Amino acid sequence: MSVSKALKHLEGEGLVELGYGYIRLPAPARVSAWLTSE
């Protein structure tokens, strides 16, 4: 449940796309930049 909430947060930021049995990073470089800003 905690991971689900965290993934919804990341999905809201546009960093991940959730699917059945997978998680997609549409722009990994953007995730890296976001982590740096965090």
Full PDB file with SEQRES, HELIX, SHEET, SSBOND, CRYST1, ORIGX, SCALE, CONECT and MASTER records, all heavy atoms in Angstrom:
SEQRES   1 A   38  MET SER VAL SER LYS ALA LEU LYS HIS LEU GLU GLY GLU          
SEQRES   2 A   38  GLY LEU VAL GLU LEU GLY TYR GLY TYR ILE ARG LEU PRO          
SEQRES   3 A   38  ALA PRO ALA ARG VAL SER ALA TRP LEU THR SER GLU              
HELIX    1 AA1 SER A    2  GLY A   12  1                                  11    
HELIX    2 AA2 PRO A   28  SER A   37  1                                  10    
SHEET    1 AA1 2 GLU A  17  GLY A  19  0                                        
SHEET    2 AA1 2 TYR A  22  ARG A  24 -1                                        
CRYST1    1.000    1.000    1.000  90.00  90.00  90.00 P 1           1          
ORIGX1      1.000000  0.000000  0.000000        0.00000                         
ORIGX2      0.000000  1.000000  0.000000        0.00000                         
ORIGX3      0.000000  0.000000  1.000000        0.00000                         
SCALE1      1.000000  0.000000  0.000000        0.00000                         
SCALE2      0.000000  1.000000  0.000000        0.00000                         
SCALE3      0.000000  0.000000  1.000000        0.00000                         
ATOM      1  N   MET A   1       0.836  -1.208   0.000  1.00  0.00           N  
ATOM      2  CA  MET A   1       0.000   0.000   0.000  1.00  0.00           C  
ATOM      3  C   MET A   1       0.870   1.258   0.000  1.00  0.00           C  
ATOM      4  O   MET A   1       0.555   2.227  -0.690  1.00  0.00           O  
ATOM      5  CB  MET A   1      -0.927   0.012   1.219  1.00  0.00           C  
ATOM      6  CG  MET A   1      -1.986  -1.071   1.187  1.00  0.00           C  
ATOM      7  SD  MET A   1      -3.222  -0.786  -0.062  1.00  0.00           S  
ATOM      8  CE  MET A   1      -4.115   0.551   0.674  1.00  0.00           C  
ATOM      9  N   SER A   2       1.949   1.252   0.750  1.00  0.00           N  
ATOM     10  CA  SER A   2       2.857   2.406   0.785  1.00  0.00           C  
ATOM     11  C   SER A   2       3.512   2.615  -0.573  1.00  0.00           C  
ATOM     12  O   SER A   2       3.633   3.747  -1.045  1.00  0.00           O  
ATOM     13  CB  SER A   2       3.941   2.206   1.843  1.00  0.00           C  
ATOM     14  OG  SER A   2       3.370   2.137   3.123  1.00  0.00           O  
ATOM     15  N   VAL A   3       3.916   1.523  -1.214  1.00  0.00           N  
ATOM     16  CA  VAL A   3       4.523   1.627  -2.542  1.00  0.00           C  
ATOM     17  C   VAL A   3       3.508   2.143  -3.544  1.00  0.00           C  
ATOM     18  O   VAL A   3       3.824   2.954  -4.409  1.00  0.00           O  
ATOM     19  CB  VAL A   3       5.112   0.264  -2.991  1.00  0.00           C  
ATOM     20  CG1 VAL A   3       5.434   0.258  -4.474  1.00  0.00           C  
ATOM     21  CG2 VAL A   3       6.357  -0.052  -2.192  1.00  0.00           C  
ATOM     22  N   SER A   4       2.270   1.685  -3.411  1.00  0.00           N  
ATOM     23  CA  SER A   4       1.216   2.139  -4.308  1.00  0.00           C  
ATOM     24  C   SER A   4       1.034   3.657  -4.209  1.00  0.00           C  
ATOM     25  O   SER A   4       0.928   4.345  -5.232  1.00  0.00           O  
ATOM     26  CB  SER A   4      -0.101   1.431  -3.977  1.00  0.00           C  
ATOM     27  OG  SER A   4      -1.139   1.877  -4.812  1.00  0.00           O  
ATOM     28  N   LYS A   5       1.042   4.184  -2.996  1.00  0.00           N  
ATOM     29  CA  LYS A   5       0.914   5.632  -2.799  1.00  0.00           C  
ATOM     30  C   LYS A   5       2.112   6.375  -3.393  1.00  0.00           C  
ATOM     31  O   LYS A   5       1.963   7.425  -4.020  1.00  0.00           O  
ATOM     32  CB  LYS A   5       0.785   5.955  -1.316  1.00  0.00           C  
ATOM     33  CG  LYS A   5      -0.545   5.560  -0.727  1.00  0.00           C  
ATOM     34  CD  LYS A   5      -0.599   5.870   0.757  1.00  0.00           C  
ATOM     35  CE  LYS A   5      -1.876   5.367   1.375  1.00  0.00           C  
ATOM     36  NZ  LYS A   5      -1.915   5.591   2.827  1.00  0.00           N  
ATOM     37  N   ALA A   6       3.307   5.819  -3.195  1.00  0.00           N  
ATOM     38  CA  ALA A   6       4.512   6.448  -3.730  1.00  0.00           C  
ATOM     39  C   ALA A   6       4.478   6.458  -5.257  1.00  0.00           C  
ATOM     40  O   ALA A   6       4.824   7.457  -5.894  1.00  0.00           O  
ATOM     41  CB  ALA A   6       5.755   5.714  -3.226  1.00  0.00           C  
ATOM     42  N   LEU A   7       4.041   5.347  -5.851  1.00  0.00           N  
ATOM     43  CA  LEU A   7       3.963   5.267  -7.312  1.00  0.00           C  
ATOM     44  C   LEU A   7       2.905   6.223  -7.862  1.00  0.00           C  
ATOM     45  O   LEU A   7       3.092   6.818  -8.922  1.00  0.00           O  
ATOM     46  CB  LEU A   7       3.670   3.833  -7.753  1.00  0.00           C  
ATOM     47  CG  LEU A   7       4.835   2.857  -7.597  1.00  0.00           C  
ATOM     48  CD1 LEU A   7       4.367   1.431  -7.834  1.00  0.00           C  
ATOM     49  CD2 LEU A   7       5.976   3.214  -8.534  1.00  0.00           C  
ATOM     50  N   LYS A   8       1.812   6.385  -7.153  1.00  0.00           N  
ATOM     51  CA  LYS A   8       0.785   7.345  -7.581  1.00  0.00           C  
ATOM     52  C   LYS A   8       1.347   8.763  -7.548  1.00  0.00           C  
ATOM     53  O   LYS A   8       1.039   9.581  -8.416  1.00  0.00           O  
ATOM     54  CB  LYS A   8      -0.471   7.250  -6.702  1.00  0.00           C  
ATOM     55  CG  LYS A   8      -1.270   5.988  -6.922  1.00  0.00           C  
ATOM     56  CD  LYS A   8      -1.863   5.963  -8.297  1.00  0.00           C  
ATOM     57  CE  LYS A   8      -2.668   4.705  -8.512  1.00  0.00           C  
ATOM     58  NZ  LYS A   8      -3.102   4.541  -9.884  1.00  0.00           N  
ATOM     59  N   HIS A   9       2.162   9.055  -6.556  1.00  0.00           N  
ATOM     60  CA  HIS A   9       2.822  10.366  -6.472  1.00  0.00           C  
ATOM     61  C   HIS A   9       3.730  10.575  -7.692  1.00  0.00           C  
ATOM     62  O   HIS A   9       3.686  11.629  -8.331  1.00  0.00           O  
ATOM     63  CB  HIS A   9       3.624  10.471  -5.179  1.00  0.00           C  
ATOM     64  CG  HIS A   9       4.356  11.762  -5.024  1.00  0.00           C  
ATOM     65  ND1 HIS A   9       3.771  12.874  -4.449  1.00  0.00           N  
ATOM     66  CD2 HIS A   9       5.611  12.137  -5.385  1.00  0.00           C  
ATOM     67  CE1 HIS A   9       4.650  13.870  -4.466  1.00  0.00           C  
ATOM     68  NE2 HIS A   9       5.773  13.438  -5.024  1.00  0.00           N  
ATOM     69  N   LEU A  10       4.528   9.559  -8.002  1.00  0.00           N  
ATOM     70  CA  LEU A  10       5.437   9.643  -9.151  1.00  0.00           C  
ATOM     71  C   LEU A  10       4.664   9.710 -10.465  1.00  0.00           C  
ATOM     72  O   LEU A  10       5.070  10.413 -11.393  1.00  0.00           O  
ATOM     73  CB  LEU A  10       6.392   8.451  -9.155  1.00  0.00           C  
ATOM     74  CG  LEU A  10       7.364   8.375  -7.978  1.00  0.00           C  
ATOM     75  CD1 LEU A  10       8.128   7.060  -8.004  1.00  0.00           C  
ATOM     76  CD2 LEU A  10       8.311   9.557  -7.979  1.00  0.00           C  
ATOM     77  N   GLU A  11       3.546   9.006 -10.521  1.00  0.00           N  
ATOM     78  CA  GLU A  11       2.707   9.052 -11.721  1.00  0.00           C  
ATOM     79  C   GLU A  11       2.109  10.447 -11.897  1.00  0.00           C  
ATOM     80  O   GLU A  11       2.039  10.968 -13.011  1.00  0.00           O  
ATOM     81  CB  GLU A  11       1.601   7.999 -11.625  1.00  0.00           C  
ATOM     82  CG  GLU A  11       0.791   7.832 -12.889  1.00  0.00           C  
ATOM     83  CD  GLU A  11      -0.237   6.727 -12.769  1.00  0.00           C  
ATOM     84  OE1 GLU A  11      -0.910   6.624 -11.714  1.00  0.00           O  
ATOM     85  OE2 GLU A  11      -0.387   5.976 -13.735  1.00  0.00           O  
ATOM     86  N   GLY A  12       1.718  11.061 -10.797  1.00  0.00           N  
ATOM     87  CA  GLY A  12       1.200  12.426 -10.836  1.00  0.00           C  
ATOM     88  C   GLY A  12       2.237  13.438 -11.308  1.00  0.00           C  
ATOM     89  O   GLY A  12       1.900  14.440 -11.937  1.00  0.00           O  
ATOM     90  N   GLU A  13       3.499  13.158 -11.015  1.00  0.00           N  
ATOM     91  CA  GLU A  13       4.601  14.018 -11.470  1.00  0.00           C  
ATOM     92  C   GLU A  13       4.946  13.752 -12.933  1.00  0.00           C  
ATOM     93  O   GLU A  13       5.756  14.465 -13.520  1.00  0.00           O  
ATOM     94  CB  GLU A  13       5.852  13.781 -10.615  1.00  0.00           C  
ATOM     95  CG  GLU A  13       5.720  14.182  -9.162  1.00  0.00           C  
ATOM     96  CD  GLU A  13       5.899  15.663  -8.944  1.00  0.00           C  
ATOM     97  OE1 GLU A  13       6.491  16.334  -9.801  1.00  0.00           O  
ATOM     98  OE2 GLU A  13       5.433  16.159  -7.906  1.00  0.00           O  
ATOM     99  N   GLY A  14       4.356  12.694 -13.508  1.00  0.00           N  
ATOM    100  CA  GLY A  14       4.638  12.340 -14.903  1.00  0.00           C  
ATOM    101  C   GLY A  14       5.945  11.584 -15.079  1.00  0.00           C  
ATOM    102  O   GLY A  14       6.489  11.531 -16.178  1.00  0.00           O  
ATOM    103  N   LEU A  15       6.441  10.980 -13.994  1.00  0.00           N  
ATOM    104  CA  LEU A  15       7.731  10.298 -14.046  1.00  0.00           C  
ATOM    105  C   LEU A  15       7.621   8.818 -14.363  1.00  0.00           C  
ATOM    106  O   LEU A  15       8.572   8.217 -14.860  1.00  0.00           O  
ATOM    107  CB  LEU A  15       8.472  10.486 -12.723  1.00  0.00           C  
ATOM    108  CG  LEU A  15       8.757  11.933 -12.334  1.00  0.00           C  
ATOM    109  CD1 LEU A  15       9.335  12.005 -10.937  1.00  0.00           C  
ATOM    110  CD2 LEU A  15       9.704  12.562 -13.340  1.00  0.00           C  
ATOM    111  N   VAL A  16       6.475   8.202 -14.031  1.00  0.00           N  
ATOM    112  CA  VAL A  16       6.281   6.776 -14.293  1.00  0.00           C  
ATOM    113  C   VAL A  16       4.905   6.544 -14.909  1.00  0.00           C  
ATOM    114  O   VAL A  16       3.998   7.366 -14.754  1.00  0.00           O  
ATOM    115  CB  VAL A  16       6.412   5.908 -13.009  1.00  0.00           C  
ATOM    116  CG1 VAL A  16       7.769   6.057 -12.371  1.00  0.00           C  
ATOM    117  CG2 VAL A  16       5.319   6.210 -12.011  1.00  0.00           C  
ATOM    118  N   GLU A  17       4.788   5.427 -15.592  1.00  0.00           N  
ATOM    119  CA  GLU A  17       3.507   4.943 -16.089  1.00  0.00           C  
ATOM    120  C   GLU A  17       3.331   3.545 -15.532  1.00  0.00           C  
ATOM    121  O   GLU A  17       4.233   2.712 -15.642  1.00  0.00           O  
ATOM    122  CB  GLU A  17       3.492   4.914 -17.616  1.00  0.00           C  
ATOM    123  CG  GLU A  17       3.621   6.290 -18.246  1.00  0.00           C  
ATOM    124  CD  GLU A  17       3.811   6.238 -19.750  1.00  0.00           C  
ATOM    125  OE1 GLU A  17       3.861   5.124 -20.337  1.00  0.00           O  
ATOM    126  OE2 GLU A  17       3.930   7.315 -20.343  1.00  0.00           O  
ATOM    127  N   LEU A  18       2.181   3.295 -14.902  1.00  0.00           N  
ATOM    128  CA  LEU A  18       1.937   2.012 -14.263  1.00  0.00           C  
ATOM    129  C   LEU A  18       1.178   1.080 -15.190  1.00  0.00           C  
ATOM    130  O   LEU A  18       0.266   1.503 -15.889  1.00  0.00           O  
ATOM    131  CB  LEU A  18       1.146   2.220 -12.970  1.00  0.00           C  
ATOM    132  CG  LEU A  18       1.763   3.197 -11.963  1.00  0.00           C  
ATOM    133  CD1 LEU A  18       0.842   3.368 -10.773  1.00  0.00           C  
ATOM    134  CD2 LEU A  18       3.126   2.725 -11.536  1.00  0.00           C  
ATOM    135  N   GLY A  19       1.571  -0.181 -15.174  1.00  0.00           N  
ATOM    136  CA  GLY A  19       0.893  -1.193 -15.962  1.00  0.00           C  
ATOM    137  C   GLY A  19       0.790  -2.477 -15.159  1.00  0.00           C  
ATOM    138  O   GLY A  19       1.302  -2.571 -14.037  1.00  0.00           O  
ATOM    139  N   TYR A  20       0.159  -3.478 -15.719  1.00  0.00           N  
ATOM    140  CA  TYR A  20       0.000  -4.751 -15.026  1.00  0.00           C  
ATOM    141  C   TYR A  20       1.305  -5.536 -15.117  1.00  0.00           C  
ATOM    142  O   TYR A  20       1.683  -6.016 -16.181  1.00  0.00           O  
ATOM    143  CB  TYR A  20      -1.148  -5.557 -15.648  1.00  0.00           C  
ATOM    144  CG  TYR A  20      -1.468  -6.810 -14.881  1.00  0.00           C  
ATOM    145  CD1 TYR A  20      -2.208  -6.752 -13.709  1.00  0.00           C  
ATOM    146  CD2 TYR A  20      -1.002  -8.040 -15.314  1.00  0.00           C  
ATOM    147  CE1 TYR A  20      -2.485  -7.890 -12.988  1.00  0.00           C  
ATOM    148  CE2 TYR A  20      -1.279  -9.189 -14.609  1.00  0.00           C  
ATOM    149  CZ  TYR A  20      -2.021  -9.110 -13.444  1.00  0.00           C  
ATOM    150  OH  TYR A  20      -2.291 -10.245 -12.727  1.00  0.00           O  
ATOM    151  N   GLY A  21       2.019  -5.642 -13.996  1.00  0.00           N  
ATOM    152  CA  GLY A  21       3.265  -6.392 -13.946  1.00  0.00           C  
ATOM    153  C   GLY A  21       4.483  -5.630 -14.430  1.00  0.00           C  
ATOM    154  O   GLY A  21       5.558  -6.205 -14.588  1.00  0.00           O  
ATOM    155  N   TYR A  22       4.327  -4.345 -14.669  1.00  0.00           N  
ATOM    156  CA  TYR A  22       5.479  -3.549 -15.100  1.00  0.00           C  
ATOM    157  C   TYR A  22       5.293  -2.095 -14.702  1.00  0.00           C  
ATOM    158  O   TYR A  22       4.191  -1.636 -14.433  1.00  0.00           O  
ATOM    159  CB  TYR A  22       5.707  -3.646 -16.609  1.00  0.00           C  
ATOM    160  CG  TYR A  22       4.657  -2.951 -17.444  1.00  0.00           C  
ATOM    161  CD1 TYR A  22       4.791  -1.616 -17.798  1.00  0.00           C  
ATOM    162  CD2 TYR A  22       3.520  -3.627 -17.874  1.00  0.00           C  
ATOM    163  CE1 TYR A  22       3.825  -0.967 -18.551  1.00  0.00           C  
ATOM    164  CE2 TYR A  22       2.550  -2.990 -18.623  1.00  0.00           C  
ATOM    165  CZ  TYR A  22       2.710  -1.662 -18.964  1.00  0.00           C  
ATOM    166  OH  TYR A  22       1.730  -1.023 -19.706  1.00  0.00           O  
ATOM    167  N   ILE A  23       6.405  -1.383 -14.689  1.00  0.00           N  
ATOM    168  CA  ILE A  23       6.420   0.067 -14.470  1.00  0.00           C  
ATOM    169  C   ILE A  23       7.287   0.645 -15.574  1.00  0.00           C  
ATOM    170  O   ILE A  23       8.389   0.163 -15.827  1.00  0.00           O  
ATOM    171  CB  ILE A  23       6.984   0.428 -13.083  1.00  0.00           C  
ATOM    172  CG1 ILE A  23       6.096  -0.189 -11.997  1.00  0.00           C  
ATOM    173  CG2 ILE A  23       7.075   1.943 -12.915  1.00  0.00           C  
ATOM    174  CD1 ILE A  23       6.677  -0.106 -10.609  1.00  0.00           C  
ATOM    175  N   ARG A  24       6.790   1.662 -16.228  1.00  0.00           N  
ATOM    176  CA  ARG A  24       7.508   2.252 -17.363  1.00  0.00           C  
ATOM    177  C   ARG A  24       8.026   3.633 -16.980  1.00  0.00           C  
ATOM    178  O   ARG A  24       7.303   4.433 -16.385  1.00  0.00           O  
ATOM    179  CB  ARG A  24       6.569   2.362 -18.557  1.00  0.00           C  
ATOM    180  CG  ARG A  24       7.237   2.867 -19.813  1.00  0.00           C  
ATOM    181  CD  ARG A  24       6.295   2.682 -21.015  1.00  0.00           C  
ATOM    182  NE  ARG A  24       6.972   3.027 -22.241  1.00  0.00           N  
ATOM    183  CZ  ARG A  24       7.004   4.247 -22.757  1.00  0.00           C  
ATOM    184  NH1 ARG A  24       6.393   5.240 -22.147  1.00  0.00           N  
ATOM    185  NH2 ARG A  24       7.649   4.476 -23.867  1.00  0.00           N  
ATOM    186  N   LEU A  25       9.273   3.875 -17.316  1.00  0.00           N  
ATOM    187  CA  LEU A  25       9.874   5.198 -17.151  1.00  0.00           C  
ATOM    188  C   LEU A  25       9.937   5.825 -18.542  1.00  0.00           C  
ATOM    189  O   LEU A  25      10.806   5.473 -19.338  1.00  0.00           O  
ATOM    190  CB  LEU A  25      11.286   5.101 -16.562  1.00  0.00           C  
ATOM    191  CG  LEU A  25      11.441   4.428 -15.200  1.00  0.00           C  
ATOM    192  CD1 LEU A  25      12.901   4.364 -14.810  1.00  0.00           C  
ATOM    193  CD2 LEU A  25      10.647   5.155 -14.152  1.00  0.00           C  
ATOM    194  N   PRO A  26       9.015   6.736 -18.862  1.00  0.00           N  
ATOM    195  CA  PRO A  26       9.004   7.317 -20.208  1.00  0.00           C  
ATOM    196  C   PRO A  26      10.229   8.185 -20.501  1.00  0.00           C  
ATOM    197  O   PRO A  26      10.639   8.305 -21.646  1.00  0.00           O  
ATOM    198  CB  PRO A  26       7.720   8.131 -20.254  1.00  0.00           C  
ATOM    199  CG  PRO A  26       7.258   8.274 -18.857  1.00  0.00           C  
ATOM    200  CD  PRO A  26       7.916   7.216 -18.040  1.00  0.00           C  
ATOM    201  N   ALA A  27      10.812   8.775 -19.457  1.00  0.00           N  
ATOM    202  CA  ALA A  27      11.999   9.623 -19.641  1.00  0.00           C  
ATOM    203  C   ALA A  27      12.913   9.459 -18.425  1.00  0.00           C  
ATOM    204  O   ALA A  27      12.868  10.260 -17.485  1.00  0.00           O  
ATOM    205  CB  ALA A  27      11.587  11.078 -19.813  1.00  0.00           C  
ATOM    206  N   PRO A  28      13.747   8.408 -18.411  1.00  0.00           N  
ATOM    207  CA  PRO A  28      14.630   8.181 -17.260  1.00  0.00           C  
ATOM    208  C   PRO A  28      15.531   9.374 -16.922  1.00  0.00           C  
ATOM    209  O   PRO A  28      15.798   9.631 -15.751  1.00  0.00           O  
ATOM    210  CB  PRO A  28      15.457   6.970 -17.682  1.00  0.00           C  
ATOM    211  CG  PRO A  28      14.604   6.257 -18.671  1.00  0.00           C  
ATOM    212  CD  PRO A  28      13.856   7.344 -19.397  1.00  0.00           C  
ATOM    213  N   ALA A  29      15.968  10.119 -17.918  1.00  0.00           N  
ATOM    214  CA  ALA A  29      16.809  11.296 -17.648  1.00  0.00           C  
ATOM    215  C   ALA A  29      16.036  12.337 -16.840  1.00  0.00           C  
ATOM    216  O   ALA A  29      16.602  13.019 -15.980  1.00  0.00           O  
ATOM    217  CB  ALA A  29      17.306  11.895 -18.954  1.00  0.00           C  
ATOM    218  N   ARG A  30      14.742  12.442 -17.094  1.00  0.00           N  
ATOM    219  CA  ARG A  30      13.906  13.377 -16.331  1.00  0.00           C  
ATOM    220  C   ARG A  30      13.774  12.918 -14.880  1.00  0.00           C  
ATOM    221  O   ARG A  30      13.761  13.748 -13.968  1.00  0.00           O  
ATOM    222  CB  ARG A  30      12.522  13.476 -16.984  1.00  0.00           C  
ATOM    223  CG  ARG A  30      11.645  14.506 -16.346  1.00  0.00           C  
ATOM    224  CD  ARG A  30      10.404  14.797 -17.185  1.00  0.00           C  
ATOM    225  NE  ARG A  30       9.547  15.673 -16.434  1.00  0.00           N  
ATOM    226  CZ  ARG A  30       8.362  15.329 -15.941  1.00  0.00           C  
ATOM    227  NH1 ARG A  30       7.871  14.134 -16.186  1.00  0.00           N  
ATOM    228  NH2 ARG A  30       7.652  16.180 -15.244  1.00  0.00           N  
ATOM    229  N   VAL A  31      13.688  11.593 -14.671  1.00  0.00           N  
ATOM    230  CA  VAL A  31      13.627  11.051 -13.310  1.00  0.00           C  
ATOM    231  C   VAL A  31      14.923  11.391 -12.577  1.00  0.00           C  
ATOM    232  O   VAL A  31      14.897  11.809 -11.417  1.00  0.00           O  
ATOM    233  CB  VAL A  31      13.392   9.517 -13.330  1.00  0.00           C  
ATOM    234  CG1 VAL A  31      13.432   8.947 -11.922  1.00  0.00           C  
ATOM    235  CG2 VAL A  31      12.062   9.179 -13.999  1.00  0.00           C  
ATOM    236  N   SER A  32      16.046  11.241 -13.259  1.00  0.00           N  
ATOM    237  CA  SER A  32      17.339  11.564 -12.667  1.00  0.00           C  
ATOM    238  C   SER A  32      17.423  13.038 -12.280  1.00  0.00           C  
ATOM    239  O   SER A  32      17.860  13.386 -11.177  1.00  0.00           O  
ATOM    240  CB  SER A  32      18.446  11.206 -13.655  1.00  0.00           C  
ATOM    241  OG  SER A  32      19.699  11.476 -13.107  1.00  0.00           O  
ATOM    242  N   ALA A  33      16.977  13.905 -13.163  1.00  0.00           N  
ATOM    243  CA  ALA A  33      16.977  15.345 -12.873  1.00  0.00           C  
ATOM    244  C   ALA A  33      16.043  15.670 -11.709  1.00  0.00           C  
ATOM    245  O   ALA A  33      16.364  16.495 -10.843  1.00  0.00           O  
ATOM    246  CB  ALA A  33      16.566  16.127 -14.117  1.00  0.00           C  
ATOM    247  N   TRP A  34      14.886  15.003 -11.661  1.00  0.00           N  
ATOM    248  CA  TRP A  34      13.921  15.225 -10.583  1.00  0.00           C  
ATOM    249  C   TRP A  34      14.527  14.790  -9.258  1.00  0.00           C  
ATOM    250  O   TRP A  34      14.370  15.478  -8.244  1.00  0.00           O  
ATOM    251  CB  TRP A  34      12.629  14.469 -10.902  1.00  0.00           C  
ATOM    252  CG  TRP A  34      11.575  14.603  -9.851  1.00  0.00           C  
ATOM    253  CD1 TRP A  34      10.701  15.632  -9.686  1.00  0.00           C  
ATOM    254  CD2 TRP A  34      11.290  13.665  -8.796  1.00  0.00           C  
ATOM    255  NE1 TRP A  34       9.884  15.394  -8.608  1.00  0.00           N  
ATOM    256  CE2 TRP A  34      10.231  14.189  -8.052  1.00  0.00           C  
ATOM    257  CE3 TRP A  34      11.820  12.441  -8.439  1.00  0.00           C  
ATOM    258  CZ2 TRP A  34       9.697  13.528  -6.958  1.00  0.00           C  
ATOM    259  CZ3 TRP A  34      11.284  11.786  -7.346  1.00  0.00           C  
ATOM    260  CH2 TRP A  34      10.241  12.330  -6.621  1.00  0.00           C  
ATOM    261  N   LEU A  35      15.220  13.632  -9.247  1.00  0.00           N  
ATOM    262  CA  LEU A  35      15.854  13.162  -8.015  1.00  0.00           C  
ATOM    263  C   LEU A  35      16.906  14.152  -7.523  1.00  0.00           C  
ATOM    264  O   LEU A  35      17.011  14.398  -6.325  1.00  0.00           O  
ATOM    265  CB  LEU A  35      16.487  11.786  -8.242  1.00  0.00           C  
ATOM    266  CG  LEU A  35      15.530  10.609  -8.206  1.00  0.00           C  
ATOM    267  CD1 LEU A  35      16.206   9.353  -8.721  1.00  0.00           C  
ATOM    268  CD2 LEU A  35      14.989  10.394  -6.805  1.00  0.00           C  
ATOM    269  N   THR A  36      17.652  14.716  -8.441  1.00  0.00           N  
ATOM    270  CA  THR A  36      18.657  15.724  -8.077  1.00  0.00           C  
ATOM    271  C   THR A  36      17.991  16.945  -7.439  1.00  0.00           C  
ATOM    272  O   THR A  36      18.464  17.464  -6.427  1.00  0.00           O  
ATOM    273  CB  THR A  36      19.471  16.141  -9.315  1.00  0.00           C  
ATOM    274  OG1 THR A  36      20.096  14.981  -9.864  1.00  0.00           O  
ATOM    275  CG2 THR A  36      20.529  17.163  -8.949  1.00  0.00           C  
ATOM    276  N   SER A  37      16.877  17.367  -8.008  1.00  0.00           N  
ATOM    277  CA  SER A  37      16.159  18.524  -7.459  1.00  0.00           C  
ATOM    278  C   SER A  37      15.533  18.212  -6.091  1.00  0.00           C  
ATOM    279  O   SER A  37      15.320  19.111  -5.288  1.00  0.00           O  
ATOM    280  CB  SER A  37      15.091  19.021  -8.429  1.00  0.00           C  
ATOM    281  OG  SER A  37      13.993  18.130  -8.464  1.00  0.00           O  
ATOM    282  N   GLU A  38      15.263  16.915  -5.835  1.00  0.00           N  
ATOM    283  CA  GLU A  38      14.686  16.501  -4.547  1.00  0.00           C  
ATOM    284  C   GLU A  38      15.774  16.291  -3.491  1.00  0.00           C  
ATOM    285  O   GLU A  38      15.467  15.996  -2.344  1.00  0.00           O  
ATOM    286  CB  GLU A  38      13.898  15.195  -4.717  1.00  0.00           C  
ATOM    287  CG  GLU A  38      12.601  15.351  -5.485  1.00  0.00           C  
ATOM    288  CD  GLU A  38      11.541  16.090  -4.692  1.00  0.00           C  
ATOM    289  OE1 GLU A  38      11.315  15.750  -3.516  1.00  0.00           O  
ATOM    290  OE2 GLU A  38      10.950  17.021  -5.247  1.00  0.00           O  
TER     291      GLU A  38                                                      
MASTER        0    0    0    2    2    0    0    6  290    1    0    3          
END                                                                             
